[in-house]
Amino acid sequence: MSAADPSPCQNCGACCAYDASWPRFSLEAEEDLALIPEHLVAADKSGMRCPDDRCAALAGEIGKAVGCTIYGLRPDVCRACQPGDAECNMARVKYGFAPI
């Protein structure tokens, strides 16, 4: 992938809609969590709000064109998932996408 190519994540989004238990807060500092808009945080403050397993911060259509509306503020678990890693491919398979 060259610098001019978009990330494969921008036409996937499967990891952001895999399971409501996935985008959990774990290692974030309290001051970092405070920057995430409250309407995107789960009622119990344990992670991102995920109606129907889809992160509320995900914009666009899964498998077509997606983006994170809080990309710079996203939780550590989101930062850790990388294109082609085990978590990425597990989510891709759920949506019928080929592993990368």
PDB file of N, CA and C in Angstrom:
ATOM      1  N   MET A   1       0.850  -1.171   0.000  1.00  0.00           N
ATOM      2  CA  MET A   1       0.000   0.000   0.000  1.00  0.00           C
ATOM      3  C   MET A   1       0.897   1.236   0.000  1.00  0.00           C
ATOM      4  N   SER A   2       0.663   2.132  -0.901  1.00  0.00           N
ATOM      5  CA  SER A   2       1.460   3.358  -0.960  1.00  0.00           C
ATOM      6  C   SER A   2       0.796   4.434  -0.109  1.00  0.00           C
ATOM      7  N   ALA A   3       1.516   5.516   0.112  1.00  0.00           N
ATOM      8  CA  ALA A   3       0.995   6.620   0.917  1.00  0.00           C
ATOM      9  C   ALA A   3      -0.247   7.230   0.283  1.00  0.00           C
ATOM     10  N   ALA A   4      -0.398   7.110  -1.035  1.00  0.00           N
ATOM     11  CA  ALA A   4      -1.556   7.680  -1.723  1.00  0.00           C
ATOM     12  C   ALA A   4      -2.792   6.783  -1.622  1.00  0.00           C
ATOM     13  N   ASP A   5      -2.593   5.497  -1.323  1.00  0.00           N
ATOM     14  CA  ASP A   5      -3.710   4.568  -1.214  1.00  0.00           C
ATOM     15  C   ASP A   5      -4.430   4.769   0.116  1.00  0.00           C
ATOM     16  N   PRO A   6      -5.767   4.701   0.104  1.00  0.00           N
ATOM     17  CA  PRO A   6      -6.480   4.792   1.377  1.00  0.00           C
ATOM     18  C   PRO A   6      -6.258   3.517   2.189  1.00  0.00           C
ATOM     19  N   SER A   7      -6.387   3.632   3.476  1.00  0.00           N
ATOM     20  CA  SER A   7      -6.293   2.464   4.349  1.00  0.00           C
ATOM     21  C   SER A   7      -7.390   1.479   3.967  1.00  0.00           C
ATOM     22  N   PRO A   8      -7.108   0.169   4.032  1.00  0.00           N
ATOM     23  CA  PRO A   8      -8.171  -0.803   3.766  1.00  0.00           C
ATOM     24  C   PRO A   8      -9.309  -0.660   4.768  1.00  0.00           C
ATOM     25  N   CYS A   9      -9.050  -0.031   5.887  1.00  0.00           N
ATOM     26  CA  CYS A   9     -10.082   0.180   6.899  1.00  0.00           C
ATOM     27  C   CYS A   9     -11.184   1.111   6.393  1.00  0.00           C
ATOM     28  N   GLN A  10     -10.825   2.029   5.512  1.00  0.00           N
ATOM     29  CA  GLN A  10     -11.794   3.020   5.033  1.00  0.00           C
ATOM     30  C   GLN A  10     -12.829   2.449   4.075  1.00  0.00           C
ATOM     31  N   ASN A  11     -12.640   1.217   3.641  1.00  0.00           N
ATOM     32  CA  ASN A  11     -13.695   0.593   2.843  1.00  0.00           C
ATOM     33  C   ASN A  11     -14.150  -0.716   3.483  1.00  0.00           C
ATOM     34  N   CYS A  12     -13.936  -0.845   4.774  1.00  0.00           N
ATOM     35  CA  CYS A  12     -14.348  -2.042   5.496  1.00  0.00           C
ATOM     36  C   CYS A  12     -15.242  -1.651   6.672  1.00  0.00           C
ATOM     37  N   GLY A  13     -14.644  -1.400   7.828  1.00  0.00           N
ATOM     38  CA  GLY A  13     -15.405  -1.015   9.017  1.00  0.00           C
ATOM     39  C   GLY A  13     -15.931  -2.180   9.836  1.00  0.00           C
ATOM     40  N   ALA A  14     -15.616  -3.411   9.437  1.00  0.00           N
ATOM     41  CA  ALA A  14     -16.140  -4.585  10.133  1.00  0.00           C
ATOM     42  C   ALA A  14     -15.751  -4.617  11.608  1.00  0.00           C
ATOM     43  N   CYS A  15     -14.530  -4.227  11.926  1.00  0.00           N
ATOM     44  CA  CYS A  15     -14.090  -4.273  13.325  1.00  0.00           C
ATOM     45  C   CYS A  15     -14.896  -3.313  14.190  1.00  0.00           C
ATOM     46  N   CYS A  16     -15.414  -2.252  13.609  1.00  0.00           N
ATOM     47  CA  CYS A  16     -16.188  -1.251  14.345  1.00  0.00           C
ATOM     48  C   CYS A  16     -17.651  -1.659  14.512  1.00  0.00           C
ATOM     49  N   ALA A  17     -18.004  -2.792  13.953  1.00  0.00           N
ATOM     50  CA  ALA A  17     -19.385  -3.262  14.047  1.00  0.00           C
ATOM     51  C   ALA A  17     -19.421  -4.757  14.318  1.00  0.00           C
ATOM     52  N   TYR A  18     -18.393  -5.238  14.990  1.00  0.00           N
ATOM     53  CA  TYR A  18     -18.288  -6.675  15.247  1.00  0.00           C
ATOM     54  C   TYR A  18     -19.101  -7.106  16.457  1.00  0.00           C
ATOM     55  N   ASP A  19     -18.922  -6.412  17.572  1.00  0.00           N
ATOM     56  CA  ASP A  19     -19.561  -6.824  18.814  1.00  0.00           C
ATOM     57  C   ASP A  19     -19.543  -5.639  19.778  1.00  0.00           C
ATOM     58  N   ALA A  20     -20.632  -5.416  20.462  1.00  0.00           N
ATOM     59  CA  ALA A  20     -20.719  -4.285  21.388  1.00  0.00           C
ATOM     60  C   ALA A  20     -19.733  -4.405  22.539  1.00  0.00           C
ATOM     61  N   SER A  21     -19.257  -5.613  22.822  1.00  0.00           N
ATOM     62  CA  SER A  21     -18.314  -5.778  23.931  1.00  0.00           C
ATOM     63  C   SER A  21     -16.882  -5.461  23.522  1.00  0.00           C
ATOM     64  N   TRP A  22     -16.630  -5.251  22.234  1.00  0.00           N
ATOM     65  CA  TRP A  22     -15.262  -5.035  21.769  1.00  0.00           C
ATOM     66  C   TRP A  22     -14.717  -3.637  22.088  1.00  0.00           C
ATOM     67  N   PRO A  23     -15.421  -2.559  21.762  1.00  0.00           N
ATOM     68  CA  PRO A  23     -14.802  -1.245  22.010  1.00  0.00           C
ATOM     69  C   PRO A  23     -14.886  -0.827  23.473  1.00  0.00           C
ATOM     70  N   ARG A  24     -14.211  -1.586  24.342  1.00  0.00           N
ATOM     71  CA  ARG A  24     -14.211  -1.315  25.783  1.00  0.00           C
ATOM     72  C   ARG A  24     -13.039  -0.438  26.161  1.00  0.00           C
ATOM     73  N   PHE A  25     -13.270   0.396  27.132  1.00  0.00           N
ATOM     74  CA  PHE A  25     -12.200   1.227  27.660  1.00  0.00           C
ATOM     75  C   PHE A  25     -11.384   0.370  28.625  1.00  0.00           C
ATOM     76  N   SER A  26     -10.062   0.466  28.521  1.00  0.00           N
ATOM     77  CA  SER A  26      -9.233  -0.331  29.410  1.00  0.00           C
ATOM     78  C   SER A  26      -8.005   0.432  29.891  1.00  0.00           C
ATOM     79  N   LEU A  27      -7.226   0.974  28.984  1.00  0.00           N
ATOM     80  CA  LEU A  27      -5.970   1.620  29.357  1.00  0.00           C
ATOM     81  C   LEU A  27      -6.001   3.142  29.222  1.00  0.00           C
ATOM     82  N   GLU A  28      -7.122   3.684  28.841  1.00  0.00           N
ATOM     83  CA  GLU A  28      -7.227   5.117  28.604  1.00  0.00           C
ATOM     84  C   GLU A  28      -7.139   5.908  29.913  1.00  0.00           C
ATOM     85  N   ALA A  29      -6.505   7.045  29.832  1.00  0.00           N
ATOM     86  CA  ALA A  29      -6.477   7.960  30.968  1.00  0.00           C
ATOM     87  C   ALA A  29      -7.829   8.650  31.080  1.00  0.00           C
ATOM     88  N   GLU A  30      -8.211   8.993  32.285  1.00  0.00           N
ATOM     89  CA  GLU A  30      -9.502   9.659  32.514  1.00  0.00           C
ATOM     90  C   GLU A  30      -9.636  10.929  31.674  1.00  0.00           C
ATOM     91  N   GLU A  31      -8.538  11.680  31.535  1.00  0.00           N
ATOM     92  CA  GLU A  31      -8.611  12.924  30.754  1.00  0.00           C
ATOM     93  C   GLU A  31      -8.822  12.642  29.267  1.00  0.00           C
ATOM     94  N   ASP A  32      -8.334  11.504  28.767  1.00  0.00           N
ATOM     95  CA  ASP A  32      -8.573  11.125  27.368  1.00  0.00           C
ATOM     96  C   ASP A  32     -10.023  10.705  27.171  1.00  0.00           C
ATOM     97  N   LEU A  33     -10.553   9.951  28.120  1.00  0.00           N
ATOM     98  CA  LEU A  33     -11.950   9.524  28.033  1.00  0.00           C
ATOM     99  C   LEU A  33     -12.898  10.714  28.088  1.00  0.00           C
ATOM    100  N   ALA A  34     -12.533  11.722  28.837  1.00  0.00           N
ATOM    101  CA  ALA A  34     -13.379  12.905  28.970  1.00  0.00           C
ATOM    102  C   ALA A  34     -13.520  13.661  27.647  1.00  0.00           C
ATOM    103  N   LEU A  35     -12.616  13.440  26.715  1.00  0.00           N
ATOM    104  CA  LEU A  35     -12.677  14.114  25.412  1.00  0.00           C
ATOM    105  C   LEU A  35     -13.655  13.453  24.442  1.00  0.00           C
ATOM    106  N   ILE A  36     -14.021  12.199  24.712  1.00  0.00           N
ATOM    107  CA  ILE A  36     -14.964  11.491  23.835  1.00  0.00           C
ATOM    108  C   ILE A  36     -16.358  12.043  24.099  1.00  0.00           C
ATOM    109  N   PRO A  37     -17.066  12.475  23.053  1.00  0.00           N
ATOM    110  CA  PRO A  37     -18.412  13.016  23.254  1.00  0.00           C
ATOM    111  C   PRO A  37     -19.310  12.036  24.015  1.00  0.00           C
ATOM    112  N   GLU A  38     -19.972  12.537  25.017  1.00  0.00           N
ATOM    113  CA  GLU A  38     -20.777  11.711  25.910  1.00  0.00           C
ATOM    114  C   GLU A  38     -21.829  10.878  25.182  1.00  0.00           C
ATOM    115  N   HIS A  39     -22.403  11.418  24.107  1.00  0.00           N
ATOM    116  CA  HIS A  39     -23.452  10.673  23.400  1.00  0.00           C
ATOM    117  C   HIS A  39     -22.905   9.432  22.679  1.00  0.00           C
ATOM    118  N   LEU A  40     -21.574   9.308  22.597  1.00  0.00           N
ATOM    119  CA  LEU A  40     -20.959   8.137  21.965  1.00  0.00           C
ATOM    120  C   LEU A  40     -20.499   7.096  22.977  1.00  0.00           C
ATOM    121  N   VAL A  41     -20.627   7.394  24.256  1.00  0.00           N
ATOM    122  CA  VAL A  41     -20.160   6.505  25.318  1.00  0.00           C
ATOM    123  C   VAL A  41     -21.338   5.693  25.862  1.00  0.00           C
ATOM    124  N   ALA A  42     -21.080   4.401  26.135  1.00  0.00           N
ATOM    125  CA  ALA A  42     -22.114   3.523  26.691  1.00  0.00           C
ATOM    126  C   ALA A  42     -22.633   4.077  28.015  1.00  0.00           C
ATOM    127  N   ALA A  43     -23.868   3.769  28.323  1.00  0.00           N
ATOM    128  CA  ALA A  43     -24.507   4.277  29.540  1.00  0.00           C
ATOM    129  C   ALA A  43     -23.724   3.907  30.796  1.00  0.00           C
ATOM    130  N   ASP A  44     -23.093   2.734  30.810  1.00  0.00           N
ATOM    131  CA  ASP A  44     -22.326   2.318  31.990  1.00  0.00           C
ATOM    132  C   ASP A  44     -20.883   2.824  31.969  1.00  0.00           C
ATOM    133  N   LYS A  45     -20.540   3.641  30.963  1.00  0.00           N
ATOM    134  CA  LYS A  45     -19.219   4.275  30.818  1.00  0.00           C
ATOM    135  C   LYS A  45     -18.073   3.278  30.606  1.00  0.00           C
ATOM    136  N   SER A  46     -18.392   2.037  30.227  1.00  0.00           N
ATOM    137  CA  SER A  46     -17.366   1.012  30.063  1.00  0.00           C
ATOM    138  C   SER A  46     -16.716   1.007  28.679  1.00  0.00           C
ATOM    139  N   GLY A  47     -17.345   1.665  27.744  1.00  0.00           N
ATOM    140  CA  GLY A  47     -16.830   1.675  26.377  1.00  0.00           C
ATOM    141  C   GLY A  47     -17.695   2.538  25.480  1.00  0.00           C
ATOM    142  N   MET A  48     -17.513   2.335  24.206  1.00  0.00           N
ATOM    143  CA  MET A  48     -18.293   3.089  23.225  1.00  0.00           C
ATOM    144  C   MET A  48     -19.724   2.563  23.165  1.00  0.00           C
ATOM    145  N   ARG A  49     -20.663   3.436  22.856  1.00  0.00           N
ATOM    146  CA  ARG A  49     -22.059   3.037  22.656  1.00  0.00           C
ATOM    147  C   ARG A  49     -22.132   2.306  21.324  1.00  0.00           C
ATOM    148  N   CYS A  50     -22.770   1.148  21.329  1.00  0.00           N
ATOM    149  CA  CYS A  50     -22.817   0.298  20.131  1.00  0.00           C
ATOM    150  C   CYS A  50     -24.212  -0.266  19.893  1.00  0.00           C
ATOM    151  N   PRO A  51     -25.111   0.537  19.369  1.00  0.00           N
ATOM    152  CA  PRO A  51     -26.425  -0.018  19.045  1.00  0.00           C
ATOM    153  C   PRO A  51     -26.284  -1.078  17.945  1.00  0.00           C
ATOM    154  N   ASP A  52     -26.897  -2.218  18.167  1.00  0.00           N
ATOM    155  CA  ASP A  52     -26.823  -3.333  17.212  1.00  0.00           C
ATOM    156  C   ASP A  52     -25.377  -3.705  16.881  1.00  0.00           C
ATOM    157  N   ASP A  53     -24.497  -3.667  17.875  1.00  0.00           N
ATOM    158  CA  ASP A  53     -23.076  -4.026  17.767  1.00  0.00           C
ATOM    159  C   ASP A  53     -22.229  -3.029  16.989  1.00  0.00           C
ATOM    160  N   ARG A  54     -22.813  -2.010  16.417  1.00  0.00           N
ATOM    161  CA  ARG A  54     -22.063  -1.037  15.615  1.00  0.00           C
ATOM    162  C   ARG A  54     -21.680   0.165  16.470  1.00  0.00           C
ATOM    163  N   CYS A  55     -20.401   0.497  16.483  1.00  0.00           N
ATOM    164  CA  CYS A  55     -19.938   1.651  17.249  1.00  0.00           C
ATOM    165  C   CYS A  55     -20.653   2.912  16.756  1.00  0.00           C
ATOM    166  N   ALA A  56     -21.140   3.690  17.704  1.00  0.00           N
ATOM    167  CA  ALA A  56     -21.866   4.912  17.374  1.00  0.00           C
ATOM    168  C   ALA A  56     -20.982   5.950  16.688  1.00  0.00           C
ATOM    169  N   ALA A  57     -19.664   5.799  16.799  1.00  0.00           N
ATOM    170  CA  ALA A  57     -18.749   6.753  16.158  1.00  0.00           C
ATOM    171  C   ALA A  57     -18.448   6.385  14.702  1.00  0.00           C
ATOM    172  N   LEU A  58     -18.907   5.240  14.244  1.00  0.00           N
ATOM    173  CA  LEU A  58     -18.650   4.819  12.869  1.00  0.00           C
ATOM    174  C   LEU A  58     -19.637   5.474  11.916  1.00  0.00           C
ATOM    175  N   ALA A  59     -19.104   6.148  10.907  1.00  0.00           N
ATOM    176  CA  ALA A  59     -19.936   6.771   9.871  1.00  0.00           C
ATOM    177  C   ALA A  59     -19.759   5.991   8.580  1.00  0.00           C
ATOM    178  N   GLY A  60     -20.801   5.924   7.782  1.00  0.00           N
ATOM    179  CA  GLY A  60     -20.713   5.285   6.474  1.00  0.00           C
ATOM    180  C   GLY A  60     -21.302   3.889   6.444  1.00  0.00           C
ATOM    181  N   GLU A  61     -21.066   3.218   5.326  1.00  0.00           N
ATOM    182  CA  GLU A  61     -21.629   1.895   5.088  1.00  0.00           C
ATOM    183  C   GLU A  61     -20.521   0.844   5.135  1.00  0.00           C
ATOM    184  N   ILE A  62     -20.700  -0.132   6.016  1.00  0.00           N
ATOM    185  CA  ILE A  62     -19.720  -1.198   6.173  1.00  0.00           C
ATOM    186  C   ILE A  62     -19.514  -1.902   4.839  1.00  0.00           C
ATOM    187  N   GLY A  63     -18.255  -2.080   4.497  1.00  0.00           N
ATOM    188  CA  GLY A  63     -17.904  -2.746   3.248  1.00  0.00           C
ATOM    189  C   GLY A  63     -17.859  -1.820   2.052  1.00  0.00           C
ATOM    190  N   LYS A  64     -18.205  -0.575   2.244  1.00  0.00           N
ATOM    191  CA  LYS A  64     -18.206   0.401   1.142  1.00  0.00           C
ATOM    192  C   LYS A  64     -17.252   1.549   1.457  1.00  0.00           C
ATOM    193  N   ALA A  65     -17.700   2.459   2.301  1.00  0.00           N
ATOM    194  CA  ALA A  65     -16.883   3.609   2.694  1.00  0.00           C
ATOM    195  C   ALA A  65     -17.252   3.976   4.123  1.00  0.00           C
ATOM    196  N   VAL A  66     -16.279   3.932   5.016  1.00  0.00           N
ATOM    197  CA  VAL A  66     -16.522   4.221   6.423  1.00  0.00           C
ATOM    198  C   VAL A  66     -15.427   5.121   6.977  1.00  0.00           C
ATOM    199  N   GLY A  67     -15.719   5.689   8.118  1.00  0.00           N
ATOM    200  CA  GLY A  67     -14.736   6.495   8.826  1.00  0.00           C
ATOM    201  C   GLY A  67     -15.154   6.643  10.270  1.00  0.00           C
ATOM    202  N   CYS A  68     -14.177   6.851  11.120  1.00  0.00           N
ATOM    203  CA  CYS A  68     -14.424   7.064  12.538  1.00  0.00           C
ATOM    204  C   CYS A  68     -14.581   8.563  12.773  1.00  0.00           C
ATOM    205  N   THR A  69     -15.692   8.947  13.380  1.00  0.00           N
ATOM    206  CA  THR A  69     -15.953  10.362  13.610  1.00  0.00           C
ATOM    207  C   THR A  69     -15.124  10.927  14.756  1.00  0.00           C
ATOM    208  N   ILE A  70     -14.462  10.056  15.520  1.00  0.00           N
ATOM    209  CA  ILE A  70     -13.588  10.509  16.610  1.00  0.00           C
ATOM    210  C   ILE A  70     -12.209   9.864  16.479  1.00  0.00           C
ATOM    211  N   TYR A  71     -11.747   9.695  15.271  1.00  0.00           N
ATOM    212  CA  TYR A  71     -10.517   8.953  15.008  1.00  0.00           C
ATOM    213  C   TYR A  71      -9.362   9.343  15.929  1.00  0.00           C
ATOM    214  N   GLY A  72      -9.105  10.587  16.109  1.00  0.00           N
ATOM    215  CA  GLY A  72      -8.002  11.026  16.964  1.00  0.00           C
ATOM    216  C   GLY A  72      -8.231  10.760  18.446  1.00  0.00           C
ATOM    217  N   LEU A  73      -9.475  10.531  18.840  1.00  0.00           N
ATOM    218  CA  LEU A  73      -9.833  10.295  20.233  1.00  0.00           C
ATOM    219  C   LEU A  73     -10.209   8.852  20.515  1.00  0.00           C
ATOM    220  N   ARG A  74     -10.150   7.991  19.504  1.00  0.00           N
ATOM    221  CA  ARG A  74     -10.654   6.627  19.631  1.00  0.00           C
ATOM    222  C   ARG A  74      -9.946   5.872  20.760  1.00  0.00           C
ATOM    223  N   PRO A  75     -10.649   4.902  21.370  1.00  0.00           N
ATOM    224  CA  PRO A  75     -10.083   4.138  22.483  1.00  0.00           C
ATOM    225  C   PRO A  75      -8.880   3.281  22.063  1.00  0.00           C
ATOM    226  N   ASP A  76      -8.125   2.855  23.061  1.00  0.00           N
ATOM    227  CA  ASP A  76      -6.942   2.028  22.812  1.00  0.00           C
ATOM    228  C   ASP A  76      -7.263   0.749  22.055  1.00  0.00           C
ATOM    229  N   VAL A  77      -8.387   0.109  22.365  1.00  0.00           N
ATOM    230  CA  VAL A  77      -8.732  -1.136  21.682  1.00  0.00           C
ATOM    231  C   VAL A  77      -8.901  -0.897  20.181  1.00  0.00           C
ATOM    232  N   CYS A  78      -9.381   0.253  19.812  1.00  0.00           N
ATOM    233  CA  CYS A  78      -9.545   0.594  18.396  1.00  0.00           C
ATOM    234  C   CYS A  78      -8.182   0.843  17.744  1.00  0.00           C
ATOM    235  N   ARG A  79      -7.314   1.479  18.473  1.00  0.00           N
ATOM    236  CA  ARG A  79      -5.963   1.746  17.965  1.00  0.00           C
ATOM    237  C   ARG A  79      -5.179   0.450  17.775  1.00  0.00           C
ATOM    238  N   ALA A  80      -5.436  -0.526  18.639  1.00  0.00           N
ATOM    239  CA  ALA A  80      -4.687  -1.789  18.600  1.00  0.00           C
ATOM    240  C   ALA A  80      -5.066  -2.657  17.401  1.00  0.00           C
ATOM    241  N   CYS A  81      -6.297  -2.585  16.943  1.00  0.00           N
ATOM    242  CA  CYS A  81      -6.732  -3.405  15.805  1.00  0.00           C
ATOM    243  C   CYS A  81      -6.080  -2.865  14.531  1.00  0.00           C
ATOM    244  N   GLN A  82      -5.355  -3.725  13.849  1.00  0.00           N
ATOM    245  CA  GLN A  82      -4.624  -3.327  12.654  1.00  0.00           C
ATOM    246  C   GLN A  82      -5.079  -4.132  11.447  1.00  0.00           C
ATOM    247  N   PRO A  83      -5.029  -3.556  10.250  1.00  0.00           N
ATOM    248  CA  PRO A  83      -5.438  -4.286   9.054  1.00  0.00           C
ATOM    249  C   PRO A  83      -4.701  -5.620   8.937  1.00  0.00           C
ATOM    250  N   GLY A  84      -5.483  -6.686   8.824  1.00  0.00           N
ATOM    251  CA  GLY A  84      -4.923  -8.016   8.629  1.00  0.00           C
ATOM    252  C   GLY A  84      -4.580  -8.772   9.886  1.00  0.00           C
ATOM    253  N   ASP A  85      -4.729  -8.153  11.079  1.00  0.00           N
ATOM    254  CA  ASP A  85      -4.428  -8.916  12.292  1.00  0.00           C
ATOM    255  C   ASP A  85      -5.602  -9.837  12.620  1.00  0.00           C
ATOM    256  N   ALA A  86      -5.444 -10.642  13.649  1.00  0.00           N
ATOM    257  CA  ALA A  86      -6.459 -11.650  13.979  1.00  0.00           C
ATOM    258  C   ALA A  86      -7.830 -11.030  14.237  1.00  0.00           C
ATOM    259  N   GLU A  87      -7.856  -9.916  14.967  1.00  0.00           N
ATOM    260  CA  GLU A  87      -9.140  -9.275  15.274  1.00  0.00           C
ATOM    261  C   GLU A  87      -9.792  -8.716  14.009  1.00  0.00           C
ATOM    262  N   CYS A  88      -8.989  -8.094  13.172  1.00  0.00           N
ATOM    263  CA  CYS A  88      -9.480  -7.555  11.903  1.00  0.00           C
ATOM    264  C   CYS A  88     -10.116  -8.666  11.072  1.00  0.00           C
ATOM    265  N   ASN A  89      -9.384  -9.729  10.891  1.00  0.00           N
ATOM    266  CA  ASN A  89      -9.876 -10.805  10.032  1.00  0.00           C
ATOM    267  C   ASN A  89     -11.073 -11.530  10.625  1.00  0.00           C
ATOM    268  N   MET A  90     -11.145 -11.646  11.942  1.00  0.00           N
ATOM    269  CA  MET A  90     -12.300 -12.248  12.592  1.00  0.00           C
ATOM    270  C   MET A  90     -13.548 -11.412  12.284  1.00  0.00           C
ATOM    271  N   ALA A  91     -13.426 -10.094  12.380  1.00  0.00           N
ATOM    272  CA  ALA A  91     -14.550  -9.208  12.087  1.00  0.00           C
ATOM    273  C   ALA A  91     -14.914  -9.258  10.605  1.00  0.00           C
ATOM    274  N   ARG A  92     -13.908  -9.283   9.740  1.00  0.00           N
ATOM    275  CA  ARG A  92     -14.165  -9.340   8.297  1.00  0.00           C
ATOM    276  C   ARG A  92     -14.947 -10.599   7.928  1.00  0.00           C
ATOM    277  N   VAL A  93     -14.590 -11.726   8.534  1.00  0.00           N
ATOM    278  CA  VAL A  93     -15.278 -12.988   8.243  1.00  0.00           C
ATOM    279  C   VAL A  93     -16.748 -12.898   8.647  1.00  0.00           C
ATOM    280  N   LYS A  94     -17.048 -12.237   9.780  1.00  0.00           N
ATOM    281  CA  LYS A  94     -18.436 -12.071  10.211  1.00  0.00           C
ATOM    282  C   LYS A  94     -19.287 -11.425   9.115  1.00  0.00           C
ATOM    283  N   TYR A  95     -18.687 -10.495   8.377  1.00  0.00           N
ATOM    284  CA  TYR A  95     -19.411  -9.778   7.330  1.00  0.00           C
ATOM    285  C   TYR A  95     -19.249 -10.414   5.943  1.00  0.00           C
ATOM    286  N   GLY A  96     -18.584 -11.549   5.882  1.00  0.00           N
ATOM    287  CA  GLY A  96     -18.408 -12.226   4.614  1.00  0.00           C
ATOM    288  C   GLY A  96     -17.301 -11.659   3.751  1.00  0.00           C
ATOM    289  N   PHE A  97     -16.417 -10.873   4.351  1.00  0.00           N
ATOM    290  CA  PHE A  97     -15.291 -10.292   3.608  1.00  0.00           C
ATOM    291  C   PHE A  97     -14.095 -11.237   3.726  1.00  0.00           C
ATOM    292  N   ALA A  98     -13.300 -11.272   2.691  1.00  0.00           N
ATOM    293  CA  ALA A  98     -12.089 -12.098   2.710  1.00  0.00           C
ATOM    294  C   ALA A  98     -11.082 -11.511   3.687  1.00  0.00           C
ATOM    295  N   PRO A  99     -10.351 -12.383   4.392  1.00  0.00           N
ATOM    296  CA  PRO A  99      -9.271 -11.874   5.250  1.00  0.00           C
ATOM    297  C   PRO A  99      -8.230 -11.121   4.425  1.00  0.00           C
ATOM    298  N   ILE A 100      -7.518 -10.226   5.080  1.00  0.00           N
ATOM    299  CA  ILE A 100      -6.448  -9.495   4.385  1.00  0.00           C
ATOM    300  C   ILE A 100      -5.107  -9.800   5.036  1.00  0.00           C
TER     301      ILE A 100
END
